[in-house]
Amino acid sequence: MNTVNNNLWKNNKNGKFYIVLDYNILNCTNLQDGEKMYLYKVFQEKILDDFGNELTFVRSEKEFKLKFTKL
């Protein structure tokens, strides 16, 4: 995993801060095969699933950079 230190981003819609955990993930879905993806999570807050695992999120690089602003 390519951890990105001090890589904070602000969600343009909800104003929350997020940290990118990895930015070198390739999408292998048929239509998006080879598309670069960003793996990220909420910063300084844990969002858990029904089993108590911390949730992370993934978006295409293009969409991520449209919806988030780097701090």
PDB file of N, CA and C in Angstrom:
ATOM      1  N   MET A   1       0.844  -1.180   0.000  1.00  0.00           N
ATOM      2  CA  MET A   1       0.000   0.000   0.000  1.00  0.00           C
ATOM      3  C   MET A   1       0.883   1.235   0.000  1.00  0.00           C
ATOM      4  N   ASN A   2       0.574   2.195  -0.849  1.00  0.00           N
ATOM      5  CA  ASN A   2       1.309   3.450  -0.923  1.00  0.00           C
ATOM      6  C   ASN A   2       0.661   4.470  -0.003  1.00  0.00           C
ATOM      7  N   THR A   3       0.971   4.420   1.296  1.00  0.00           N
ATOM      8  CA  THR A   3       0.376   5.337   2.243  1.00  0.00           C
ATOM      9  C   THR A   3       0.870   6.745   1.966  1.00  0.00           C
ATOM     10  N   VAL A   4      -0.046   7.676   1.940  1.00  0.00           N
ATOM     11  CA  VAL A   4       0.272   9.063   1.658  1.00  0.00           C
ATOM     12  C   VAL A   4       0.200   9.828   2.977  1.00  0.00           C
ATOM     13  N   ASN A   5       1.352  10.210   3.530  1.00  0.00           N
ATOM     14  CA  ASN A   5       1.377  10.943   4.790  1.00  0.00           C
ATOM     15  C   ASN A   5       0.946  12.390   4.573  1.00  0.00           C
ATOM     16  N   ASN A   6       0.197  12.918   5.532  1.00  0.00           N
ATOM     17  CA  ASN A   6      -0.259  14.306   5.485  1.00  0.00           C
ATOM     18  C   ASN A   6      -0.994  14.631   4.195  1.00  0.00           C
ATOM     19  N   ASN A   7      -1.731  13.687   3.672  1.00  0.00           N
ATOM     20  CA  ASN A   7      -2.460  13.896   2.435  1.00  0.00           C
ATOM     21  C   ASN A   7      -3.936  14.089   2.764  1.00  0.00           C
ATOM     22  N   LEU A   8      -4.265  15.274   3.292  1.00  0.00           N
ATOM     23  CA  LEU A   8      -5.631  15.568   3.693  1.00  0.00           C
ATOM     24  C   LEU A   8      -6.379  16.271   2.570  1.00  0.00           C
ATOM     25  N   TRP A   9      -7.642  15.900   2.446  1.00  0.00           N
ATOM     26  CA  TRP A   9      -8.516  16.471   1.441  1.00  0.00           C
ATOM     27  C   TRP A   9      -9.828  16.851   2.108  1.00  0.00           C
ATOM     28  N   LYS A  10     -10.486  17.876   1.598  1.00  0.00           N
ATOM     29  CA  LYS A  10     -11.784  18.306   2.121  1.00  0.00           C
ATOM     30  C   LYS A  10     -12.850  17.983   1.082  1.00  0.00           C
ATOM     31  N   ASN A  11     -13.920  17.330   1.535  1.00  0.00           N
ATOM     32  CA  ASN A  11     -15.040  17.031   0.656  1.00  0.00           C
ATOM     33  C   ASN A  11     -15.772  18.340   0.353  1.00  0.00           C
ATOM     34  N   ASN A  12     -15.897  18.673  -0.912  1.00  0.00           N
ATOM     35  CA  ASN A  12     -16.507  19.937  -1.314  1.00  0.00           C
ATOM     36  C   ASN A  12     -17.987  20.023  -0.961  1.00  0.00           C
ATOM     37  N   LYS A  13     -18.656  18.886  -0.808  1.00  0.00           N
ATOM     38  CA  LYS A  13     -20.091  18.874  -0.535  1.00  0.00           C
ATOM     39  C   LYS A  13     -20.401  18.903   0.963  1.00  0.00           C
ATOM     40  N   ASN A  14     -19.762  18.002   1.743  1.00  0.00           N
ATOM     41  CA  ASN A  14     -20.119  17.901   3.165  1.00  0.00           C
ATOM     42  C   ASN A  14     -19.137  18.597   4.103  1.00  0.00           C
ATOM     43  N   GLY A  15     -17.983  19.061   3.587  1.00  0.00           N
ATOM     44  CA  GLY A  15     -17.020  19.799   4.398  1.00  0.00           C
ATOM     45  C   GLY A  15     -16.156  18.948   5.310  1.00  0.00           C
ATOM     46  N   LYS A  16     -16.355  17.611   5.296  1.00  0.00           N
ATOM     47  CA  LYS A  16     -15.546  16.732   6.149  1.00  0.00           C
ATOM     48  C   LYS A  16     -14.150  16.551   5.557  1.00  0.00           C
ATOM     49  N   PHE A  17     -13.219  16.207   6.446  1.00  0.00           N
ATOM     50  CA  PHE A  17     -11.848  15.961   6.022  1.00  0.00           C
ATOM     51  C   PHE A  17     -11.620  14.464   5.836  1.00  0.00           C
ATOM     52  N   TYR A  18     -10.854  14.128   4.813  1.00  0.00           N
ATOM     53  CA  TYR A  18     -10.552  12.746   4.471  1.00  0.00           C
ATOM     54  C   TYR A  18      -9.054  12.599   4.255  1.00  0.00           C
ATOM     55  N   ILE A  19      -8.561  11.395   4.466  1.00  0.00           N
ATOM     56  CA  ILE A  19      -7.159  11.106   4.221  1.00  0.00           C
ATOM     57  C   ILE A  19      -7.072   9.997   3.169  1.00  0.00           C
ATOM     58  N   VAL A  20      -6.206  10.200   2.201  1.00  0.00           N
ATOM     59  CA  VAL A  20      -5.993   9.202   1.157  1.00  0.00           C
ATOM     60  C   VAL A  20      -5.041   8.147   1.694  1.00  0.00           C
ATOM     61  N   LEU A  21      -5.463   6.889   1.657  1.00  0.00           N
ATOM     62  CA  LEU A  21      -4.645   5.777   2.137  1.00  0.00           C
ATOM     63  C   LEU A  21      -3.775   5.208   1.028  1.00  0.00           C
ATOM     64  N   ASP A  22      -4.304   5.230  -0.182  1.00  0.00           N
ATOM     65  CA  ASP A  22      -3.555   4.707  -1.330  1.00  0.00           C
ATOM     66  C   ASP A  22      -4.121   5.349  -2.584  1.00  0.00           C
ATOM     67  N   TYR A  23      -3.262   5.661  -3.502  1.00  0.00           N
ATOM     68  CA  TYR A  23      -3.689   6.330  -4.731  1.00  0.00           C
ATOM     69  C   TYR A  23      -3.212   5.579  -5.972  1.00  0.00           C
ATOM     70  N   ASN A  24      -2.761   4.370  -5.773  1.00  0.00           N
ATOM     71  CA  ASN A  24      -2.216   3.599  -6.887  1.00  0.00           C
ATOM     72  C   ASN A  24      -2.942   2.260  -7.007  1.00  0.00           C
ATOM     73  N   ILE A  25      -4.258   2.326  -6.983  1.00  0.00           N
ATOM     74  CA  ILE A  25      -5.085   1.135  -7.092  1.00  0.00           C
ATOM     75  C   ILE A  25      -5.685   1.124  -8.486  1.00  0.00           C
ATOM     76  N   LEU A  26      -5.616  -0.021  -9.140  1.00  0.00           N
ATOM     77  CA  LEU A  26      -6.176  -0.113 -10.481  1.00  0.00           C
ATOM     78  C   LEU A  26      -7.521  -0.818 -10.450  1.00  0.00           C
ATOM     79  N   ASN A  27      -8.484  -0.231 -11.111  1.00  0.00           N
ATOM     80  CA  ASN A  27      -9.808  -0.820 -11.248  1.00  0.00           C
ATOM     81  C   ASN A  27      -9.733  -1.906 -12.318  1.00  0.00           C
ATOM     82  N   CYS A  28     -10.224  -3.080 -12.011  1.00  0.00           N
ATOM     83  CA  CYS A  28     -10.191  -4.194 -12.964  1.00  0.00           C
ATOM     84  C   CYS A  28     -11.580  -4.576 -13.447  1.00  0.00           C
ATOM     85  N   THR A  29     -12.555  -3.683 -13.245  1.00  0.00           N
ATOM     86  CA  THR A  29     -13.902  -3.904 -13.750  1.00  0.00           C
ATOM     87  C   THR A  29     -13.880  -3.737 -15.261  1.00  0.00           C
ATOM     88  N   ASN A  30     -14.662  -4.496 -15.950  1.00  0.00           N
ATOM     89  CA  ASN A  30     -14.619  -4.530 -17.420  1.00  0.00           C
ATOM     90  C   ASN A  30     -14.494  -3.167 -18.082  1.00  0.00           C
ATOM     91  N   LEU A  31     -15.461  -2.287 -17.884  1.00  0.00           N
ATOM     92  CA  LEU A  31     -15.447  -1.002 -18.579  1.00  0.00           C
ATOM     93  C   LEU A  31     -14.389  -0.036 -18.046  1.00  0.00           C
ATOM     94  N   GLN A  32     -14.006  -0.177 -16.787  1.00  0.00           N
ATOM     95  CA  GLN A  32     -13.038   0.723 -16.172  1.00  0.00           C
ATOM     96  C   GLN A  32     -11.665   0.076 -15.983  1.00  0.00           C
ATOM     97  N   ASP A  33     -11.405  -1.008 -16.671  1.00  0.00           N
ATOM     98  CA  ASP A  33     -10.152  -1.749 -16.502  1.00  0.00           C
ATOM     99  C   ASP A  33      -8.942  -0.829 -16.675  1.00  0.00           C
ATOM    100  N   GLY A  34      -8.095  -0.803 -15.651  1.00  0.00           N
ATOM    101  CA  GLY A  34      -6.878   0.000 -15.691  1.00  0.00           C
ATOM    102  C   GLY A  34      -7.050   1.416 -15.187  1.00  0.00           C
ATOM    103  N   GLU A  35      -8.267   1.813 -14.845  1.00  0.00           N
ATOM    104  CA  GLU A  35      -8.513   3.165 -14.338  1.00  0.00           C
ATOM    105  C   GLU A  35      -7.910   3.307 -12.940  1.00  0.00           C
ATOM    106  N   LYS A  36      -7.222   4.410 -12.681  1.00  0.00           N
ATOM    107  CA  LYS A  36      -6.575   4.662 -11.391  1.00  0.00           C
ATOM    108  C   LYS A  36      -7.625   5.075 -10.363  1.00  0.00           C
ATOM    109  N   MET A  37      -7.540   4.479  -9.152  1.00  0.00           N
ATOM    110  CA  MET A  37      -8.510   4.715  -8.091  1.00  0.00           C
ATOM    111  C   MET A  37      -7.825   5.260  -6.842  1.00  0.00           C
ATOM    112  N   TYR A  38      -8.581   5.992  -6.033  1.00  0.00           N
ATOM    113  CA  TYR A  38      -8.120   6.508  -4.748  1.00  0.00           C
ATOM    114  C   TYR A  38      -8.852   5.759  -3.635  1.00  0.00           C
ATOM    115  N   LEU A  39      -8.110   5.265  -2.643  1.00  0.00           N
ATOM    116  CA  LEU A  39      -8.659   4.631  -1.444  1.00  0.00           C
ATOM    117  C   LEU A  39      -8.538   5.648  -0.325  1.00  0.00           C
ATOM    118  N   TYR A  40      -9.649   5.931   0.374  1.00  0.00           N
ATOM    119  CA  TYR A  40      -9.620   6.986   1.387  1.00  0.00           C
ATOM    120  C   TYR A  40     -10.592   6.687   2.519  1.00  0.00           C
ATOM    121  N   LYS A  41     -10.436   7.416   3.616  1.00  0.00           N
ATOM    122  CA  LYS A  41     -11.346   7.278   4.753  1.00  0.00           C
ATOM    123  C   LYS A  41     -11.515   8.639   5.411  1.00  0.00           C
ATOM    124  N   VAL A  42     -12.542   8.720   6.250  1.00  0.00           N
ATOM    125  CA  VAL A  42     -12.787   9.942   7.000  1.00  0.00           C
ATOM    126  C   VAL A  42     -11.626  10.151   7.963  1.00  0.00           C
ATOM    127  N   PHE A  43     -11.163  11.381   8.083  1.00  0.00           N
ATOM    128  CA  PHE A  43     -10.042  11.718   8.961  1.00  0.00           C
ATOM    129  C   PHE A  43     -10.571  12.051  10.353  1.00  0.00           C
ATOM    130  N   GLN A  44      -9.943  11.524  11.385  1.00  0.00           N
ATOM    131  CA  GLN A  44     -10.248  11.775  12.794  1.00  0.00           C
ATOM    132  C   GLN A  44     -11.656  11.368  13.201  1.00  0.00           C
ATOM    133  N   GLU A  45     -12.200  10.395  12.526  1.00  0.00           N
ATOM    134  CA  GLU A  45     -13.506   9.850  12.874  1.00  0.00           C
ATOM    135  C   GLU A  45     -13.557   8.446  12.286  1.00  0.00           C
ATOM    136  N   LYS A  46     -14.112   7.518  13.023  1.00  0.00           N
ATOM    137  CA  LYS A  46     -14.234   6.165  12.496  1.00  0.00           C
ATOM    138  C   LYS A  46     -15.677   5.905  12.113  1.00  0.00           C
ATOM    139  N   ILE A  47     -15.864   5.468  10.887  1.00  0.00           N
ATOM    140  CA  ILE A  47     -17.176   5.041  10.427  1.00  0.00           C
ATOM    141  C   ILE A  47     -17.087   3.529  10.307  1.00  0.00           C
ATOM    142  N   LEU A  48     -17.947   2.833  11.058  1.00  0.00           N
ATOM    143  CA  LEU A  48     -17.862   1.380  11.153  1.00  0.00           C
ATOM    144  C   LEU A  48     -19.017   0.698  10.429  1.00  0.00           C
ATOM    145  N   ASP A  49     -18.731  -0.497   9.932  1.00  0.00           N
ATOM    146  CA  ASP A  49     -19.795  -1.310   9.342  1.00  0.00           C
ATOM    147  C   ASP A  49     -20.512  -2.070  10.455  1.00  0.00           C
ATOM    148  N   ASP A  50     -21.428  -2.928  10.087  1.00  0.00           N
ATOM    149  CA  ASP A  50     -22.221  -3.679  11.070  1.00  0.00           C
ATOM    150  C   ASP A  50     -21.392  -4.646  11.909  1.00  0.00           C
ATOM    151  N   PHE A  51     -20.172  -4.944  11.469  1.00  0.00           N
ATOM    152  CA  PHE A  51     -19.308  -5.885  12.187  1.00  0.00           C
ATOM    153  C   PHE A  51     -18.205  -5.169  12.976  1.00  0.00           C
ATOM    154  N   GLY A  52     -18.223  -3.835  12.998  1.00  0.00           N
ATOM    155  CA  GLY A  52     -17.231  -3.070  13.741  1.00  0.00           C
ATOM    156  C   GLY A  52     -15.951  -2.788  12.974  1.00  0.00           C
ATOM    157  N   ASN A  53     -15.930  -3.085  11.688  1.00  0.00           N
ATOM    158  CA  ASN A  53     -14.757  -2.799  10.864  1.00  0.00           C
ATOM    159  C   ASN A  53     -14.829  -1.374  10.339  1.00  0.00           C
ATOM    160  N   GLU A  54     -13.683  -0.687  10.346  1.00  0.00           N
ATOM    161  CA  GLU A  54     -13.649   0.678   9.836  1.00  0.00           C
ATOM    162  C   GLU A  54     -13.842   0.690   8.317  1.00  0.00           C
ATOM    163  N   LEU A  55     -14.730   1.546   7.849  1.00  0.00           N
ATOM    164  CA  LEU A  55     -15.015   1.631   6.420  1.00  0.00           C
ATOM    165  C   LEU A  55     -13.990   2.511   5.706  1.00  0.00           C
ATOM    166  N   THR A  56     -13.638   2.091   4.521  1.00  0.00           N
ATOM    167  CA  THR A  56     -12.849   2.907   3.608  1.00  0.00           C
ATOM    168  C   THR A  56     -13.651   3.028   2.324  1.00  0.00           C
ATOM    169  N   PHE A  57     -13.287   3.998   1.518  1.00  0.00           N
ATOM    170  CA  PHE A  57     -14.037   4.287   0.305  1.00  0.00           C
ATOM    171  C   PHE A  57     -13.084   4.321  -0.883  1.00  0.00           C
ATOM    172  N   VAL A  58     -13.634   4.149  -2.079  1.00  0.00           N
ATOM    173  CA  VAL A  58     -12.817   4.196  -3.290  1.00  0.00           C
ATOM    174  C   VAL A  58     -13.568   4.979  -4.359  1.00  0.00           C
ATOM    175  N   ARG A  59     -12.832   5.810  -5.075  1.00  0.00           N
ATOM    176  CA  ARG A  59     -13.367   6.579  -6.202  1.00  0.00           C
ATOM    177  C   ARG A  59     -12.303   6.636  -7.284  1.00  0.00           C
ATOM    178  N   SER A  60     -12.754   6.850  -8.495  1.00  0.00           N
ATOM    179  CA  SER A  60     -11.792   7.056  -9.569  1.00  0.00           C
ATOM    180  C   SER A  60     -11.015   8.338  -9.287  1.00  0.00           C
ATOM    181  N   GLU A  61      -9.799   8.384  -9.763  1.00  0.00           N
ATOM    182  CA  GLU A  61      -8.953   9.566  -9.558  1.00  0.00           C
ATOM    183  C   GLU A  61      -9.649  10.831 -10.074  1.00  0.00           C
ATOM    184  N   LYS A  62     -10.230  10.735 -11.239  1.00  0.00           N
ATOM    185  CA  LYS A  62     -10.888  11.893 -11.856  1.00  0.00           C
ATOM    186  C   LYS A  62     -12.047  12.392 -10.990  1.00  0.00           C
ATOM    187  N   GLU A  63     -12.908  11.490 -10.552  1.00  0.00           N
ATOM    188  CA  GLU A  63     -14.057  11.874  -9.731  1.00  0.00           C
ATOM    189  C   GLU A  63     -13.599  12.397  -8.368  1.00  0.00           C
ATOM    190  N   PHE A  64     -12.597  11.734  -7.774  1.00  0.00           N
ATOM    191  CA  PHE A  64     -12.093  12.158  -6.469  1.00  0.00           C
ATOM    192  C   PHE A  64     -11.612  13.603  -6.533  1.00  0.00           C
ATOM    193  N   LYS A  65     -10.826  13.923  -7.546  1.00  0.00           N
ATOM    194  CA  LYS A  65     -10.255  15.270  -7.652  1.00  0.00           C
ATOM    195  C   LYS A  65     -11.311  16.333  -7.977  1.00  0.00           C
ATOM    196  N   LEU A  66     -12.449  15.928  -8.512  1.00  0.00           N
ATOM    197  CA  LEU A  66     -13.555  16.863  -8.731  1.00  0.00           C
ATOM    198  C   LEU A  66     -14.327  17.141  -7.443  1.00  0.00           C
ATOM    199  N   LYS A  67     -14.443  16.124  -6.583  1.00  0.00           N
ATOM    200  CA  LYS A  67     -15.283  16.228  -5.396  1.00  0.00           C
ATOM    201  C   LYS A  67     -14.535  16.609  -4.132  1.00  0.00           C
ATOM    202  N   PHE A  68     -13.204  16.617  -4.179  1.00  0.00           N
ATOM    203  CA  PHE A  68     -12.388  16.923  -3.006  1.00  0.00           C
ATOM    204  C   PHE A  68     -11.356  17.991  -3.339  1.00  0.00           C
ATOM    205  N   THR A  69     -10.973  18.775  -2.324  1.00  0.00           N
ATOM    206  CA  THR A  69      -9.939  19.792  -2.472  1.00  0.00           C
ATOM    207  C   THR A  69      -8.791  19.440  -1.539  1.00  0.00           C
ATOM    208  N   LYS A  70      -7.581  19.389  -2.085  1.00  0.00           N
ATOM    209  CA  LYS A  70      -6.398  19.059  -1.289  1.00  0.00           C
ATOM    210  C   LYS A  70      -6.070  20.223  -0.361  1.00  0.00           C
ATOM    211  N   LEU A  71      -5.747  19.889   0.877  1.00  0.00           N
ATOM    212  CA  LEU A  71      -5.383  20.923   1.856  1.00  0.00           C
ATOM    213  C   LEU A  71      -3.889  21.132   1.888  1.00  0.00           C
TER     214      LEU A  71
END
